[in-house]
Amino acid sequence: MAGRFDYDRERQTFSWEKAAAAIPRLPAGGLNIAHVALDAQVDSGHGDDIALLCVDETGGTTRHTYADLAAATSRFAHLLGALGVGPGDRVMSLLGRQVEQYVTALGTLKNRSVFSPLFSSFGPEPIRQRLSSARPRSW
């Protein structure tokens, strides 16, 4: 069958060196998952492709391209930097499953900060405990 993935062949020929070489690097060097997930897709000509399709409670959909998300996450990363949040600082959010959660998560990673999602379904006490133990940066 044409196009079928041959797991055994891939497993036999796999090398970490080849896998590492296939991952897009930052322009100045280094590796960032948000860059790999979004910016590298834009750079390779896929900016207008749909990266995220969101379905709301009523069945309505919104489509978000790689270019849209790359721009939004870069804006969020710059905002974090302007607020003094830097590499290794913890950023926590209490957002639902919506595009803003993805923008917050990937923008935080672009900023080289640590992202930790919180959810209202945790309840007040577990959220308080997570905030207390994580010691996120506050403004």
C-alpha atoms as a PDB file:
ATOM      1  CA  MET A   1       0.000   0.000   0.000  1.00  0.00           C
ATOM      2  CA  ALA A   2       1.577   3.293  -1.155  1.00  0.00           C
ATOM      3  CA  GLY A   3       2.199   5.896   1.534  1.00  0.00           C
ATOM      4  CA  ARG A   4       1.836   3.415   4.361  1.00  0.00           C
ATOM      5  CA  PHE A   5       4.090   4.042   7.336  1.00  0.00           C
ATOM      6  CA  ASP A   6       6.558   1.183   7.828  1.00  0.00           C
ATOM      7  CA  TYR A   7       7.112   1.150  11.583  1.00  0.00           C
ATOM      8  CA  ASP A   8       9.687  -1.664  11.544  1.00  0.00           C
ATOM      9  CA  ARG A   9      11.813   0.043   8.871  1.00  0.00           C
ATOM     10  CA  GLU A  10      11.619   3.389  10.682  1.00  0.00           C
ATOM     11  CA  ARG A  11      12.562   1.757  13.966  1.00  0.00           C
ATOM     12  CA  GLN A  12      15.582   0.044  12.398  1.00  0.00           C
ATOM     13  CA  THR A  13      16.856   3.202  10.695  1.00  0.00           C
ATOM     14  CA  PHE A  14      16.006   5.663  13.476  1.00  0.00           C
ATOM     15  CA  SER A  15      18.747   7.782  14.973  1.00  0.00           C
ATOM     16  CA  TRP A  16      18.552  10.635  17.441  1.00  0.00           C
ATOM     17  CA  GLU A  17      20.955  12.594  15.252  1.00  0.00           C
ATOM     18  CA  LYS A  18      18.577  12.444  12.255  1.00  0.00           C
ATOM     19  CA  ALA A  19      15.601  13.300  14.470  1.00  0.00           C
ATOM     20  CA  ALA A  20      17.414  16.289  15.992  1.00  0.00           C
ATOM     21  CA  ALA A  21      18.509  17.524  12.551  1.00  0.00           C
ATOM     22  CA  ALA A  22      14.890  17.515  11.350  1.00  0.00           C
ATOM     23  CA  ILE A  23      13.690  19.886  14.110  1.00  0.00           C
ATOM     24  CA  PRO A  24      13.597  23.554  13.046  1.00  0.00           C
ATOM     25  CA  ARG A  25      15.922  25.696  15.160  1.00  0.00           C
ATOM     26  CA  LEU A  26      15.512  29.298  16.198  1.00  0.00           C
ATOM     27  CA  PRO A  27      17.106  31.794  13.800  1.00  0.00           C
ATOM     28  CA  ALA A  28      19.862  32.554  16.343  1.00  0.00           C
ATOM     29  CA  GLY A  29      20.180  28.876  17.309  1.00  0.00           C
ATOM     30  CA  GLY A  30      18.521  26.946  20.087  1.00  0.00           C
ATOM     31  CA  LEU A  31      15.200  25.172  20.279  1.00  0.00           C
ATOM     32  CA  ASN A  32      11.748  26.356  21.326  1.00  0.00           C
ATOM     33  CA  ILE A  33       8.605  24.226  20.970  1.00  0.00           C
ATOM     34  CA  ALA A  34       6.439  27.271  20.160  1.00  0.00           C
ATOM     35  CA  HIS A  35       8.811  28.133  17.318  1.00  0.00           C
ATOM     36  CA  VAL A  36       8.641  24.560  16.017  1.00  0.00           C
ATOM     37  CA  ALA A  37       4.840  24.424  16.325  1.00  0.00           C
ATOM     38  CA  LEU A  38       4.061  27.819  14.767  1.00  0.00           C
ATOM     39  CA  ASP A  39       6.843  30.050  13.457  1.00  0.00           C
ATOM     40  CA  ALA A  40       8.645  27.297  11.553  1.00  0.00           C
ATOM     41  CA  GLN A  41       5.351  26.374   9.890  1.00  0.00           C
ATOM     42  CA  VAL A  42       4.928  29.994   8.744  1.00  0.00           C
ATOM     43  CA  ASP A  43       8.562  30.121   7.590  1.00  0.00           C
ATOM     44  CA  SER A  44       8.071  26.967   5.506  1.00  0.00           C
ATOM     45  CA  GLY A  45       5.081  28.423   3.651  1.00  0.00           C
ATOM     46  CA  HIS A  46       2.219  27.014   5.718  1.00  0.00           C
ATOM     47  CA  GLY A  47       1.162  30.289   7.356  1.00  0.00           C
ATOM     48  CA  ASP A  48      -2.278  30.276   5.736  1.00  0.00           C
ATOM     49  CA  ASP A  49      -2.978  26.646   6.705  1.00  0.00           C
ATOM     50  CA  ILE A  50      -5.359  25.940   9.579  1.00  0.00           C
ATOM     51  CA  ALA A  51      -3.410  25.194  12.754  1.00  0.00           C
ATOM     52  CA  LEU A  52      -6.292  25.133  15.227  1.00  0.00           C
ATOM     53  CA  LEU A  53      -9.990  24.534  14.733  1.00  0.00           C
ATOM     54  CA  CYS A  54     -12.111  25.450  17.744  1.00  0.00           C
ATOM     55  CA  VAL A  55     -15.655  24.182  18.222  1.00  0.00           C
ATOM     56  CA  ASP A  56     -17.804  26.022  20.759  1.00  0.00           C
ATOM     57  CA  GLU A  57     -20.703  24.720  22.863  1.00  0.00           C
ATOM     58  CA  THR A  58     -23.215  25.536  20.122  1.00  0.00           C
ATOM     59  CA  GLY A  59     -21.233  23.754  17.418  1.00  0.00           C
ATOM     60  CA  GLY A  60     -19.882  26.970  15.913  1.00  0.00           C
ATOM     61  CA  THR A  61     -16.320  26.833  14.685  1.00  0.00           C
ATOM     62  CA  THR A  62     -13.443  29.261  14.406  1.00  0.00           C
ATOM     63  CA  ARG A  63     -10.348  28.558  12.371  1.00  0.00           C
ATOM     64  CA  HIS A  64      -6.929  29.860  13.330  1.00  0.00           C
ATOM     65  CA  THR A  65      -4.015  29.774  10.916  1.00  0.00           C
ATOM     66  CA  TYR A  66      -0.376  29.226  11.784  1.00  0.00           C
ATOM     67  CA  ALA A  67       0.286  32.876  10.888  1.00  0.00           C
ATOM     68  CA  ASP A  68      -2.531  34.123  13.157  1.00  0.00           C
ATOM     69  CA  LEU A  69      -1.317  32.048  16.083  1.00  0.00           C
ATOM     70  CA  ALA A  70       2.342  32.893  15.491  1.00  0.00           C
ATOM     71  CA  ALA A  71       1.502  36.607  15.611  1.00  0.00           C
ATOM     72  CA  ALA A  72      -0.775  36.297  18.665  1.00  0.00           C
ATOM     73  CA  THR A  73       1.735  34.217  20.629  1.00  0.00           C
ATOM     74  CA  SER A  74       4.544  36.639  19.773  1.00  0.00           C
ATOM     75  CA  ARG A  75       2.405  39.540  21.041  1.00  0.00           C
ATOM     76  CA  PHE A  76       1.769  37.652  24.287  1.00  0.00           C
ATOM     77  CA  ALA A  77       5.467  36.814  24.695  1.00  0.00           C
ATOM     78  CA  HIS A  78       6.353  40.490  24.207  1.00  0.00           C
ATOM     79  CA  LEU A  79       3.713  41.476  26.773  1.00  0.00           C
ATOM     80  CA  LEU A  80       5.224  39.081  29.304  1.00  0.00           C
ATOM     81  CA  GLY A  81       8.659  40.546  28.660  1.00  0.00           C
ATOM     82  CA  ALA A  82       7.318  44.083  29.090  1.00  0.00           C
ATOM     83  CA  LEU A  83       5.856  43.023  32.435  1.00  0.00           C
ATOM     84  CA  GLY A  84       9.250  41.750  33.551  1.00  0.00           C
ATOM     85  CA  VAL A  85       8.473  38.049  33.182  1.00  0.00           C
ATOM     86  CA  GLY A  86      11.595  36.276  31.988  1.00  0.00           C
ATOM     87  CA  PRO A  87      13.044  32.863  31.269  1.00  0.00           C
ATOM     88  CA  GLY A  88      12.185  30.342  33.952  1.00  0.00           C
ATOM     89  CA  ASP A  89       9.501  32.495  35.557  1.00  0.00           C
ATOM     90  CA  ARG A  90       6.218  30.673  36.121  1.00  0.00           C
ATOM     91  CA  VAL A  91       3.062  31.819  34.355  1.00  0.00           C
ATOM     92  CA  MET A  92      -0.263  30.336  35.400  1.00  0.00           C
ATOM     93  CA  SER A  93      -3.604  30.856  33.703  1.00  0.00           C
ATOM     94  CA  LEU A  94      -7.180  30.115  34.627  1.00  0.00           C
ATOM     95  CA  LEU A  95      -8.711  29.909  31.164  1.00  0.00           C
ATOM     96  CA  GLY A  96     -11.047  27.396  29.611  1.00  0.00           C
ATOM     97  CA  ARG A  97     -10.435  25.396  26.473  1.00  0.00           C
ATOM     98  CA  GLN A  98     -10.401  28.290  24.063  1.00  0.00           C
ATOM     99  CA  VAL A  99      -7.932  29.816  21.660  1.00  0.00           C
ATOM    100  CA  GLU A 100      -6.691  32.230  24.350  1.00  0.00           C
ATOM    101  CA  GLN A 101      -5.444  29.268  26.391  1.00  0.00           C
ATOM    102  CA  TYR A 102      -3.298  28.098  23.465  1.00  0.00           C
ATOM    103  CA  VAL A 103      -2.028  31.626  22.831  1.00  0.00           C
ATOM    104  CA  THR A 104      -1.155  31.980  26.519  1.00  0.00           C
ATOM    105  CA  ALA A 105       0.582  28.608  26.665  1.00  0.00           C
ATOM    106  CA  LEU A 106       2.621  28.972  23.483  1.00  0.00           C
ATOM    107  CA  GLY A 107       3.337  32.675  24.099  1.00  0.00           C
ATOM    108  CA  THR A 108       4.654  31.784  27.537  1.00  0.00           C
ATOM    109  CA  LEU A 109       6.913  29.146  26.005  1.00  0.00           C
ATOM    110  CA  LYS A 110       8.121  31.628  23.364  1.00  0.00           C
ATOM    111  CA  ASN A 111       9.117  33.843  26.284  1.00  0.00           C
ATOM    112  CA  ARG A 112      11.080  30.860  27.663  1.00  0.00           C
ATOM    113  CA  SER A 113       8.905  30.901  30.760  1.00  0.00           C
ATOM    114  CA  VAL A 114       7.179  27.956  32.437  1.00  0.00           C
ATOM    115  CA  PHE A 115       3.465  27.555  31.703  1.00  0.00           C
ATOM    116  CA  SER A 116       1.034  25.967  34.136  1.00  0.00           C
ATOM    117  CA  PRO A 117      -2.666  25.772  33.307  1.00  0.00           C
ATOM    118  CA  LEU A 118      -5.289  25.970  36.010  1.00  0.00           C
ATOM    119  CA  PHE A 119      -8.919  24.970  35.505  1.00  0.00           C
ATOM    120  CA  SER A 120     -12.022  26.069  37.389  1.00  0.00           C
ATOM    121  CA  SER A 121     -13.058  22.431  37.730  1.00  0.00           C
ATOM    122  CA  PHE A 122     -10.134  21.997  40.158  1.00  0.00           C
ATOM    123  CA  GLY A 123     -12.082  24.052  42.712  1.00  0.00           C
ATOM    124  CA  PRO A 124     -10.848  26.928  44.889  1.00  0.00           C
ATOM    125  CA  GLU A 125      -8.672  25.006  47.346  1.00  0.00           C
ATOM    126  CA  PRO A 126      -6.717  22.955  44.765  1.00  0.00           C
ATOM    127  CA  ILE A 127      -6.157  26.128  42.735  1.00  0.00           C
ATOM    128  CA  ARG A 128      -4.890  27.930  45.841  1.00  0.00           C
ATOM    129  CA  GLN A 129      -2.566  25.003  46.630  1.00  0.00           C
ATOM    130  CA  ARG A 130      -1.178  24.962  43.096  1.00  0.00           C
ATOM    131  CA  LEU A 131      -0.608  28.719  43.157  1.00  0.00           C
ATOM    132  CA  SER A 132       1.061  28.506  46.550  1.00  0.00           C
ATOM    133  CA  SER A 133       3.379  25.608  45.697  1.00  0.00           C
ATOM    134  CA  ALA A 134       4.326  26.919  42.243  1.00  0.00           C
ATOM    135  CA  ARG A 135       5.185  30.389  43.524  1.00  0.00           C
ATOM    136  CA  PRO A 136       4.392  32.101  40.217  1.00  0.00           C
ATOM    137  CA  ARG A 137       5.604  35.599  39.648  1.00  0.00           C
ATOM    138  CA  SER A 138       3.013  38.198  40.668  1.00  0.00           C
ATOM    139  CA  TRP A 139       2.754  41.805  39.580  1.00  0.00           C
END
